[in-house]
Amino acid sequence: MQGGDFMSSGDVCDYCQFSYSVLNRLQTQGVLTPVRVLPASKKRFFLRSDVEAYMNNLRQGK
């Protein structure tokens, strides 16, 4: 896993400027889906491109 291609849930929240509860809701709704979840810690990783596309859509009002 390369650091530049993936973002942890904390990184996503920092980048998007929202809380973990918002990220959890977006995940439940299928808007942002982690590409990897570590079994022991349940730490989630998201594709940077998915997060950036989500934010671009928000900015454009889509």
N, C-alpha and C. Protein backbone atom coordinates (compact mmCIF):
# COMPACT_ATOMS: atom_id res chain seq x y z
N MET A 1 0.85 -1.17 0.00
CA MET A 1 0.00 0.00 0.00
C MET A 1 0.89 1.23 0.00
N GLN A 2 0.78 2.07 -0.99
CA GLN A 2 1.57 3.28 -1.04
C GLN A 2 0.83 4.41 -0.35
N GLY A 3 1.55 5.19 0.43
CA GLY A 3 0.94 6.25 1.21
C GLY A 3 0.20 7.29 0.40
N GLY A 4 0.67 7.61 -0.81
CA GLY A 4 0.05 8.64 -1.61
C GLY A 4 -1.26 8.23 -2.24
N ASP A 5 -1.48 6.94 -2.38
CA ASP A 5 -2.67 6.44 -3.05
C ASP A 5 -3.84 6.21 -2.10
N PHE A 6 -3.54 6.07 -0.82
CA PHE A 6 -4.55 5.72 0.17
C PHE A 6 -4.58 6.74 1.29
N MET A 7 -5.76 6.87 1.90
CA MET A 7 -5.93 7.78 3.03
C MET A 7 -6.60 7.02 4.15
N SER A 8 -6.11 7.19 5.37
CA SER A 8 -6.78 6.61 6.53
C SER A 8 -8.06 7.40 6.79
N SER A 9 -8.91 6.87 7.64
CA SER A 9 -10.15 7.57 7.96
C SER A 9 -9.86 8.93 8.58
N GLY A 10 -8.82 9.02 9.40
CA GLY A 10 -8.44 10.31 9.98
C GLY A 10 -7.98 11.30 8.92
N ASP A 11 -7.21 10.79 7.95
CA ASP A 11 -6.77 11.65 6.85
C ASP A 11 -7.96 12.18 6.05
N VAL A 12 -8.93 11.30 5.81
CA VAL A 12 -10.13 11.70 5.06
C VAL A 12 -10.87 12.80 5.81
N CYS A 13 -11.05 12.61 7.11
CA CYS A 13 -11.76 13.61 7.91
C CYS A 13 -11.01 14.94 7.92
N ASP A 14 -9.69 14.90 8.02
CA ASP A 14 -8.90 16.14 7.99
C ASP A 14 -9.02 16.82 6.62
N TYR A 15 -8.89 16.04 5.56
CA TYR A 15 -8.93 16.58 4.20
C TYR A 15 -10.30 17.20 3.89
N CYS A 16 -11.35 16.50 4.28
CA CYS A 16 -12.72 16.94 3.97
C CYS A 16 -13.29 17.89 5.02
N GLN A 17 -12.60 18.00 6.15
CA GLN A 17 -13.02 18.84 7.26
C GLN A 17 -14.39 18.45 7.80
N PHE A 18 -14.55 17.14 8.02
CA PHE A 18 -15.74 16.68 8.72
C PHE A 18 -15.37 15.63 9.75
N SER A 19 -16.34 15.25 10.57
CA SER A 19 -16.10 14.35 11.70
C SER A 19 -16.15 12.88 11.27
N TYR A 20 -15.71 12.03 12.19
CA TYR A 20 -15.79 10.59 11.95
C TYR A 20 -17.23 10.14 11.77
N SER A 21 -18.16 10.76 12.47
CA SER A 21 -19.56 10.35 12.34
C SER A 21 -20.08 10.63 10.93
N VAL A 22 -19.64 11.73 10.33
CA VAL A 22 -20.03 12.02 8.94
C VAL A 22 -19.42 10.99 8.01
N LEU A 23 -18.15 10.65 8.22
CA LEU A 23 -17.50 9.63 7.39
C LEU A 23 -18.21 8.29 7.55
N ASN A 24 -18.58 7.94 8.77
CA ASN A 24 -19.30 6.68 8.99
C ASN A 24 -20.64 6.68 8.26
N ARG A 25 -21.33 7.80 8.28
CA ARG A 25 -22.61 7.90 7.57
C ARG A 25 -22.42 7.77 6.06
N LEU A 26 -21.40 8.43 5.53
CA LEU A 26 -21.12 8.33 4.09
C LEU A 26 -20.75 6.89 3.72
N GLN A 27 -20.05 6.22 4.60
CA GLN A 27 -19.71 4.82 4.33
C GLN A 27 -20.96 3.94 4.36
N THR A 28 -21.82 4.15 5.34
CA THR A 28 -23.07 3.38 5.43
C THR A 28 -23.94 3.60 4.20
N GLN A 29 -23.94 4.83 3.68
CA GLN A 29 -24.74 5.15 2.49
C GLN A 29 -24.07 4.70 1.20
N GLY A 30 -22.83 4.22 1.29
CA GLY A 30 -22.12 3.75 0.11
C GLY A 30 -21.49 4.87 -0.71
N VAL A 31 -21.42 6.06 -0.14
CA VAL A 31 -20.85 7.21 -0.85
C VAL A 31 -19.33 7.11 -0.89
N LEU A 32 -18.72 6.81 0.24
CA LEU A 32 -17.28 6.57 0.33
C LEU A 32 -17.09 5.17 0.93
N THR A 33 -16.39 4.34 0.23
CA THR A 33 -16.19 2.96 0.66
C THR A 33 -14.71 2.68 0.85
N PRO A 34 -14.35 2.14 2.01
CA PRO A 34 -12.93 1.83 2.20
C PRO A 34 -12.50 0.70 1.27
N VAL A 35 -11.27 0.79 0.78
CA VAL A 35 -10.74 -0.26 -0.08
C VAL A 35 -10.00 -1.31 0.73
N ARG A 36 -9.70 -0.96 1.97
CA ARG A 36 -9.04 -1.92 2.84
C ARG A 36 -9.39 -1.61 4.29
N VAL A 37 -9.66 -2.68 5.05
CA VAL A 37 -9.89 -2.57 6.49
C VAL A 37 -8.95 -3.56 7.16
N LEU A 38 -8.12 -3.06 8.06
CA LEU A 38 -7.19 -3.95 8.76
C LEU A 38 -7.97 -4.78 9.77
N PRO A 39 -7.80 -6.10 9.74
CA PRO A 39 -8.61 -7.00 10.57
C PRO A 39 -8.50 -6.74 12.07
N ALA A 40 -7.30 -6.57 12.58
CA ALA A 40 -7.13 -6.44 14.03
C ALA A 40 -7.63 -5.10 14.55
N SER A 41 -7.24 -4.02 13.88
CA SER A 41 -7.55 -2.68 14.39
C SER A 41 -8.81 -2.08 13.80
N LYS A 42 -9.29 -2.66 12.70
CA LYS A 42 -10.45 -2.13 11.95
C LYS A 42 -10.16 -0.78 11.33
N LYS A 43 -8.87 -0.41 11.23
CA LYS A 43 -8.48 0.84 10.59
C LYS A 43 -8.86 0.77 9.11
N ARG A 44 -9.49 1.85 8.63
CA ARG A 44 -10.00 1.88 7.26
C ARG A 44 -9.11 2.75 6.39
N PHE A 45 -8.96 2.32 5.13
CA PHE A 45 -8.21 3.09 4.15
C PHE A 45 -9.07 3.30 2.91
N PHE A 46 -9.04 4.53 2.41
CA PHE A 46 -9.85 4.93 1.26
C PHE A 46 -8.92 5.34 0.14
N LEU A 47 -9.35 5.15 -1.09
CA LEU A 47 -8.57 5.63 -2.23
C LEU A 47 -8.59 7.15 -2.26
N ARG A 48 -7.43 7.73 -2.37
CA ARG A 48 -7.33 9.19 -2.44
C ARG A 48 -8.17 9.74 -3.59
N SER A 49 -8.17 9.05 -4.73
CA SER A 49 -8.93 9.51 -5.90
C SER A 49 -10.43 9.51 -5.62
N ASP A 50 -10.93 8.55 -4.84
CA ASP A 50 -12.36 8.53 -4.48
C ASP A 50 -12.72 9.72 -3.60
N VAL A 51 -11.86 10.01 -2.64
CA VAL A 51 -12.10 11.13 -1.71
C VAL A 51 -12.06 12.46 -2.47
N GLU A 52 -11.06 12.60 -3.35
CA GLU A 52 -10.95 13.83 -4.13
C GLU A 52 -12.14 14.00 -5.07
N ALA A 53 -12.60 12.91 -5.68
CA ALA A 53 -13.77 12.98 -6.56
C ALA A 53 -15.02 13.38 -5.77
N TYR A 54 -15.18 12.83 -4.57
CA TYR A 54 -16.32 13.18 -3.71
C TYR A 54 -16.30 14.68 -3.41
N MET A 55 -15.14 15.19 -3.02
CA MET A 55 -15.04 16.61 -2.68
C MET A 55 -15.27 17.48 -3.91
N ASN A 56 -14.75 17.09 -5.06
CA ASN A 56 -14.98 17.86 -6.29
C ASN A 56 -16.46 17.91 -6.63
N ASN A 57 -17.16 16.79 -6.45
CA ASN A 57 -18.61 16.76 -6.71
C ASN A 57 -19.35 17.68 -5.74
N LEU A 58 -18.93 17.72 -4.49
CA LEU A 58 -19.56 18.62 -3.52
C LEU A 58 -19.36 20.07 -3.93
N ARG A 59 -18.15 20.39 -4.33
CA ARG A 59 -17.85 21.77 -4.72
C ARG A 59 -18.63 22.20 -5.94
N GLN A 60 -18.92 21.26 -6.83
CA GLN A 60 -19.66 21.56 -8.06
C GLN A 60 -21.16 21.43 -7.87
N GLY A 61 -21.57 21.05 -6.68
CA GLY A 61 -23.00 20.96 -6.38
C GLY A 61 -23.68 19.73 -6.96
N LYS A 62 -22.92 18.67 -7.19
CA LYS A 62 -23.49 17.44 -7.75
C LYS A 62 -23.89 16.48 -6.66
